[in-house]
Amino acid sequence: MEDFFSRLTSGRVIVADGAMGTMLQAAGLPTGVSTEAWLLEHPDAVMGVHRAYVEAGAELILTCTFGGNRVRLKRSGLAERVAEVNHRAVELARQAAGARAYVAGDIGPLGELLAPLGKLTYEEAVALFAEQARALVEAGVDVLYIETMADLNEARAAVEGARRADEGVPVTVTLSFDTRGRTNMGVRPEQAVATLLPLGVAAIGANCGHSLEMTLEALEHMHAFAPQVVLIAKPNAGLPRMVGRQEVYDATPEMMADYALKYVAAGARVVGGCCGSTPEHIRAIARALRP
């Protein structure tokens, strides 16, 4: 396989994987237990999700480390095991990927607000992100994949932390657009590009979010603002609704495949799914993008 950055900038679309958390819940992950804690006890379940996505056609799989920073791991009693958790997650993803897929080191929000809204300083946030990023790089990821950001300042801290870990590994960032085309912290797509692109990130985009349509609108705004930027689309499988005690996502594989084509037309070069998406959704996307 060619290196990830070369593939990313080649113009050829990369099909990414889908949800991890909702897939593990379906496999028995108890409510209130973090995926990172479960990973240490049930590695076969995580491996099974990765392999299912690779078999479905994913060329990029994210490590099970969305909450793999010290702040979030502390809630599961794993604050002192940051390196272990992230190393193990990369090991599982790498085994599943083989020579068929790239491995992205998944970095989610810290789970605490930065000052002035919270107590966490910018420099503390950078250090926390750097700790996780360093562990992911040590374990051998192809890209550091920062996702589901809402606070632009936190996104900046994550990029800076990733750069401190290793300046040679590509870094990508996606934000979640939930409220009238903005993140829940009020960030517009154009603001995100204007702030993050000068930091040297390899790609920017939208993940999770309110709807398939809002993800498309965010990408269109980003592309209009900076046509040269490489975009990522990884939306939820539609809006969730409660059926009894279970969350159900309404977007079918066919719907997501249709939107995948629209995302590519809007400039996306990485397309996958987020919450509620399954290997069937990714298989449909892969078929649509690689007929």
Protein backbone atom coordinates (compact mmCIF):
# COMPACT_ATOMS: atom_id res chain seq x y z
CA MET A 1 0.00 0.00 0.00
CA GLU A 2 1.14 3.51 -0.76
CA ASP A 3 1.53 5.82 2.22
CA PHE A 4 -1.69 7.28 3.53
CA PHE A 5 -0.98 10.91 2.66
CA SER A 6 -0.20 10.05 -0.96
CA ARG A 7 -3.42 8.06 -1.24
CA LEU A 8 -5.43 10.80 0.48
CA THR A 9 -4.20 13.46 -1.94
CA SER A 10 -4.37 11.30 -5.06
CA GLY A 11 -7.97 12.22 -5.76
CA ARG A 12 -9.16 8.63 -5.38
CA VAL A 13 -11.90 8.19 -2.79
CA ILE A 14 -11.12 6.24 0.38
CA VAL A 15 -14.01 4.27 1.88
CA ALA A 16 -13.86 4.48 5.68
CA ASP A 17 -15.50 2.26 8.26
CA GLY A 18 -18.70 2.84 10.20
CA ALA A 19 -19.70 2.94 13.84
CA MET A 20 -17.78 1.17 16.58
CA GLY A 21 -19.78 2.06 19.70
CA THR A 22 -23.23 1.06 18.45
CA MET A 23 -21.79 -2.10 16.92
CA LEU A 24 -20.25 -3.10 20.25
CA GLN A 25 -23.51 -2.34 22.03
CA ALA A 26 -25.20 -4.79 19.68
CA ALA A 27 -22.47 -7.30 20.58
CA GLY A 28 -23.15 -6.96 24.30
CA LEU A 29 -21.36 -3.84 25.54
CA PRO A 30 -23.24 -2.92 28.74
CA THR A 31 -24.72 0.54 29.16
CA GLY A 32 -22.30 2.83 30.98
CA VAL A 33 -19.18 0.80 30.18
CA SER A 34 -16.65 2.53 27.94
CA THR A 35 -15.59 0.89 24.72
CA GLU A 36 -11.96 1.30 25.77
CA ALA A 37 -12.51 -0.62 29.01
CA TRP A 38 -14.40 -3.31 27.14
CA LEU A 39 -11.63 -3.53 24.57
CA LEU A 40 -9.21 -4.81 27.21
CA GLU A 41 -11.63 -7.51 28.36
CA HIS A 42 -13.24 -8.39 25.01
CA PRO A 43 -10.65 -7.84 22.28
CA ASP A 44 -12.30 -10.42 20.02
CA ALA A 45 -15.47 -8.31 19.85
CA VAL A 46 -13.52 -5.25 18.73
CA MET A 47 -11.52 -7.34 16.26
CA GLY A 48 -14.77 -8.71 14.87
CA VAL A 49 -16.12 -5.22 14.17
CA HIS A 50 -12.91 -4.19 12.43
CA ARG A 51 -12.85 -7.31 10.29
CA ALA A 52 -16.49 -6.91 9.32
CA TYR A 53 -15.78 -3.42 8.01
CA VAL A 54 -12.71 -4.52 6.08
CA GLU A 55 -14.70 -7.36 4.53
CA ALA A 56 -17.40 -4.84 3.62
CA GLY A 57 -14.89 -2.77 1.66
CA ALA A 58 -13.50 -0.25 4.16
CA GLU A 59 -10.01 0.95 3.29
CA LEU A 60 -9.64 3.02 6.45
CA ILE A 61 -10.56 1.74 9.91
CA LEU A 62 -10.53 3.78 13.12
CA THR A 63 -9.05 2.41 16.31
CA CYS A 64 -11.37 1.86 19.27
CA THR A 65 -9.87 4.86 21.10
CA PHE A 66 -12.44 7.64 20.77
CA GLY A 67 -12.31 8.05 24.56
CA GLY A 68 -8.69 7.00 24.89
CA ASN A 69 -7.43 10.16 26.58
CA ARG A 70 -6.52 10.39 30.25
CA VAL A 71 -9.60 12.43 31.22
CA ARG A 72 -12.11 9.96 29.83
CA LEU A 73 -10.16 6.87 30.84
CA LYS A 74 -10.10 8.12 34.44
CA ARG A 75 -13.86 7.52 34.60
CA SER A 76 -13.20 3.82 34.00
CA GLY A 77 -10.27 3.64 36.40
CA LEU A 78 -7.81 3.50 33.50
CA ALA A 79 -6.12 6.90 33.77
CA GLU A 80 -2.69 5.33 34.24
CA ARG A 81 -3.15 2.95 31.30
CA VAL A 82 -3.38 5.44 28.42
CA ALA A 83 -0.47 3.92 26.53
CA GLU A 84 -1.66 0.34 27.12
CA VAL A 85 -5.21 1.02 25.93
CA ASN A 86 -4.12 2.86 22.80
CA HIS A 87 -1.37 0.37 21.95
CA ARG A 88 -3.79 -2.55 22.28
CA ALA A 89 -6.41 -0.83 20.15
CA VAL A 90 -3.92 -0.21 17.35
CA GLU A 91 -2.69 -3.78 17.55
CA LEU A 92 -6.22 -5.11 17.04
CA ALA A 93 -6.97 -2.71 14.18
CA ARG A 94 -3.67 -3.51 12.48
CA GLN A 95 -4.33 -7.24 12.66
CA ALA A 96 -7.76 -6.77 11.11
CA ALA A 97 -6.53 -4.35 8.45
CA GLY A 98 -3.60 -6.42 7.23
CA ALA A 99 -2.53 -5.02 3.87
CA ARG A 100 -6.11 -4.15 2.91
CA ALA A 101 -6.80 -1.02 4.95
CA TYR A 102 -5.12 1.95 6.62
CA VAL A 103 -5.34 2.33 10.39
CA ALA A 104 -6.43 5.70 11.81
CA GLY A 105 -5.67 6.56 15.42
CA ASP A 106 -9.04 7.82 16.65
CA ILE A 107 -8.93 10.85 18.96
CA GLY A 108 -12.20 12.22 20.34
CA PRO A 109 -12.95 15.23 22.57
CA LEU A 110 -11.54 15.26 26.08
CA GLY A 111 -14.94 15.24 27.73
CA GLU A 112 -14.34 18.46 29.67
CA LEU A 113 -14.83 22.07 28.62
CA LEU A 114 -11.82 24.28 28.08
CA ALA A 115 -11.50 27.66 29.81
CA PRO A 116 -13.22 30.07 30.07
CA LEU A 117 -16.30 27.82 30.02
CA GLY A 118 -14.50 25.07 31.92
CA LYS A 119 -11.45 24.64 34.12
CA LEU A 120 -9.16 22.93 31.60
CA THR A 121 -6.53 25.28 30.19
CA TYR A 122 -5.51 25.21 26.56
CA GLU A 123 -2.02 24.00 27.42
CA GLU A 124 -3.39 21.20 29.60
CA ALA A 125 -5.61 20.13 26.72
CA VAL A 126 -2.66 20.09 24.32
CA ALA A 127 -0.68 17.90 26.73
CA LEU A 128 -3.57 15.45 27.15
CA PHE A 129 -4.04 15.13 23.39
CA ALA A 130 -0.29 14.75 22.90
CA GLU A 131 -0.18 11.89 25.39
CA GLN A 132 -2.80 9.91 23.51
CA ALA A 133 -1.42 10.81 20.08
CA ARG A 134 2.07 9.73 21.11
CA ALA A 135 0.77 6.32 22.18
CA LEU A 136 -1.09 5.90 18.88
CA VAL A 137 1.97 6.87 16.84
CA GLU A 138 4.20 4.54 18.85
CA ALA A 139 1.82 1.69 18.03
CA GLY A 140 2.04 2.44 14.31
CA VAL A 141 -1.05 4.26 13.02
CA ASP A 142 -1.10 5.66 9.48
CA VAL A 143 -2.95 8.85 10.42
CA LEU A 144 -4.07 10.67 13.56
CA TYR A 145 -7.83 11.08 13.14
CA ILE A 146 -9.35 13.79 15.35
CA GLU A 147 -13.16 13.63 15.27
CA THR A 148 -16.50 14.84 16.63
CA MET A 149 -15.14 18.21 17.67
CA ALA A 150 -17.53 21.03 18.57
CA ASP A 151 -15.19 23.58 20.18
CA LEU A 152 -12.76 25.09 17.68
CA ASN A 153 -10.29 25.86 20.46
CA GLU A 154 -10.31 22.20 21.51
CA ALA A 155 -9.83 21.15 17.89
CA ARG A 156 -6.78 23.43 17.70
CA ALA A 157 -5.43 21.91 20.90
CA ALA A 158 -5.91 18.42 19.48
CA VAL A 159 -4.01 19.30 16.32
CA GLU A 160 -1.20 20.89 18.32
CA GLY A 161 -1.05 17.84 20.58
CA ALA A 162 -0.88 15.55 17.56
CA ARG A 163 1.94 17.63 16.11
CA ARG A 164 3.87 17.43 19.36
CA ALA A 165 3.57 13.65 19.25
CA ASP A 166 4.97 13.34 15.73
CA GLU A 167 5.18 15.97 13.00
CA GLY A 168 5.49 13.36 10.25
CA VAL A 169 2.17 11.55 10.72
CA PRO A 170 -0.78 13.07 8.81
CA VAL A 171 -3.48 14.67 10.95
CA THR A 172 -7.15 15.01 9.99
CA VAL A 173 -10.00 16.76 11.82
CA THR A 174 -13.77 16.42 11.60
CA LEU A 175 -16.39 18.41 13.47
CA SER A 176 -19.97 17.51 14.33
CA PHE A 177 -22.54 19.93 12.91
CA ASP A 178 -25.72 19.65 14.92
CA THR A 179 -27.51 22.97 15.22
CA ARG A 180 -28.58 25.04 12.22
CA GLY A 181 -25.47 24.14 10.29
CA ARG A 182 -23.13 24.83 13.21
CA THR A 183 -21.55 22.73 15.93
CA ASN A 184 -23.20 22.86 19.34
CA MET A 185 -20.53 25.41 20.27
CA GLY A 186 -21.54 27.64 17.38
CA VAL A 187 -18.72 26.89 14.93
CA ARG A 188 -19.56 27.32 11.24
CA PRO A 189 -17.95 25.09 8.57
CA GLU A 190 -16.10 28.05 7.07
CA GLN A 191 -14.68 28.98 10.48
CA ALA A 192 -13.37 25.46 10.93
CA VAL A 193 -11.56 25.52 7.60
CA ALA A 194 -10.17 29.02 8.12
CA THR A 195 -8.73 28.05 11.51
CA LEU A 196 -7.56 24.48 10.91
CA LEU A 197 -6.27 24.50 7.34
CA PRO A 198 -3.37 26.86 8.15
CA LEU A 199 -2.29 24.38 10.86
CA GLY A 200 -1.30 21.93 8.13
CA VAL A 201 -3.98 19.30 8.60
CA ALA A 202 -4.25 16.81 5.75
CA ALA A 203 -8.06 16.83 5.61
CA ILE A 204 -11.06 18.45 7.28
CA GLY A 205 -14.68 17.41 7.35
CA ALA A 206 -17.87 16.50 9.14
CA ASN A 207 -18.81 13.43 11.16
CA CYS A 208 -21.65 12.33 13.41
CA GLY A 209 -23.97 15.34 13.32
CA HIS A 210 -27.65 16.03 13.01
CA SER A 211 -28.42 14.45 9.66
CA LEU A 212 -27.12 13.26 6.31
CA GLU A 213 -28.35 16.52 4.79
CA MET A 214 -26.56 18.72 7.33
CA THR A 215 -23.32 16.85 6.70
CA LEU A 216 -23.70 17.57 3.00
CA GLU A 217 -24.39 21.26 3.66
CA ALA A 218 -21.29 21.49 5.86
CA LEU A 219 -19.12 19.94 3.16
CA GLU A 220 -20.53 22.26 0.51
CA HIS A 221 -19.74 25.30 2.65
CA MET A 222 -16.21 24.03 3.30
CA HIS A 223 -15.61 23.34 -0.38
CA ALA A 224 -16.94 26.75 -1.42
CA PHE A 225 -14.69 28.46 1.13
CA ALA A 226 -11.54 26.48 0.22
CA PRO A 227 -11.93 24.37 -2.95
CA GLN A 228 -8.46 22.90 -2.47
CA VAL A 229 -9.19 21.29 0.91
CA VAL A 230 -9.50 17.49 1.11
CA LEU A 231 -12.83 16.69 2.78
CA ILE A 232 -14.09 13.85 4.97
CA ALA A 233 -17.72 12.74 5.35
CA LYS A 234 -18.61 10.28 8.11
CA PRO A 235 -22.22 10.93 9.16
CA ASN A 236 -24.56 9.06 11.45
CA ALA A 237 -27.00 6.66 9.83
CA GLY A 238 -29.72 9.27 10.00
CA LEU A 239 -31.49 10.55 13.09
CA PRO A 240 -31.86 8.09 15.99
CA ARG A 241 -35.22 7.41 17.59
CA MET A 242 -36.15 5.32 20.59
CA VAL A 243 -37.96 2.03 20.07
CA GLY A 244 -38.58 0.76 23.56
CA ARG A 245 -35.20 1.15 25.23
CA GLN A 246 -33.20 0.85 22.04
CA GLU A 247 -31.94 3.60 19.75
CA VAL A 248 -32.79 2.93 16.11
CA TYR A 249 -31.18 4.75 13.19
CA ASP A 250 -33.40 5.15 10.15
CA ALA A 251 -30.97 5.67 7.27
CA THR A 252 -30.79 2.54 5.13
CA PRO A 253 -27.61 1.38 3.40
CA GLU A 254 -29.12 2.57 0.11
CA MET A 255 -29.78 6.06 1.51
CA MET A 256 -26.23 6.37 2.77
CA ALA A 257 -24.87 5.14 -0.56
CA ASP A 258 -26.89 7.82 -2.36
CA TYR A 259 -25.51 10.49 -0.06
CA ALA A 260 -21.98 9.13 -0.45
CA LEU A 261 -22.17 10.09 -4.12
CA LYS A 262 -23.33 13.58 -3.14
CA TYR A 263 -20.49 13.92 -0.63
CA VAL A 264 -17.94 13.02 -3.28
CA ALA A 265 -19.49 15.55 -5.64
CA ALA A 266 -19.07 18.13 -2.87
CA GLY A 267 -15.35 17.35 -2.55
CA ALA A 268 -15.18 14.48 -0.07
CA ARG A 269 -12.30 12.05 -0.58
CA VAL A 270 -12.93 9.99 2.57
CA VAL A 271 -16.47 8.67 3.05
CA GLY A 272 -17.78 6.34 5.75
CA GLY A 273 -20.32 6.27 8.56
CA CYS A 274 -20.63 7.17 12.23
CA CYS A 275 -23.22 6.24 14.89
CA GLY A 276 -25.74 3.63 13.83
CA SER A 277 -23.93 2.65 10.65
CA THR A 278 -23.03 -0.99 10.09
CA PRO A 279 -20.94 -3.10 7.70
CA GLU A 280 -24.00 -3.22 5.42
CA HIS A 281 -23.98 0.57 5.17
CA ILE A 282 -20.27 0.54 4.35
CA ARG A 283 -20.72 -2.23 1.79
CA ALA A 284 -23.38 -0.15 0.03
CA ILE A 285 -21.13 2.92 0.08
CA ALA A 286 -18.21 0.94 -1.31
CA ARG A 287 -20.35 -0.43 -4.13
CA ALA A 288 -21.63 3.03 -4.99
CA LEU A 289 -18.18 4.60 -5.01
CA ARG A 290 -16.37 1.68 -6.64
CA PRO A 291 -18.94 0.30 -9.14
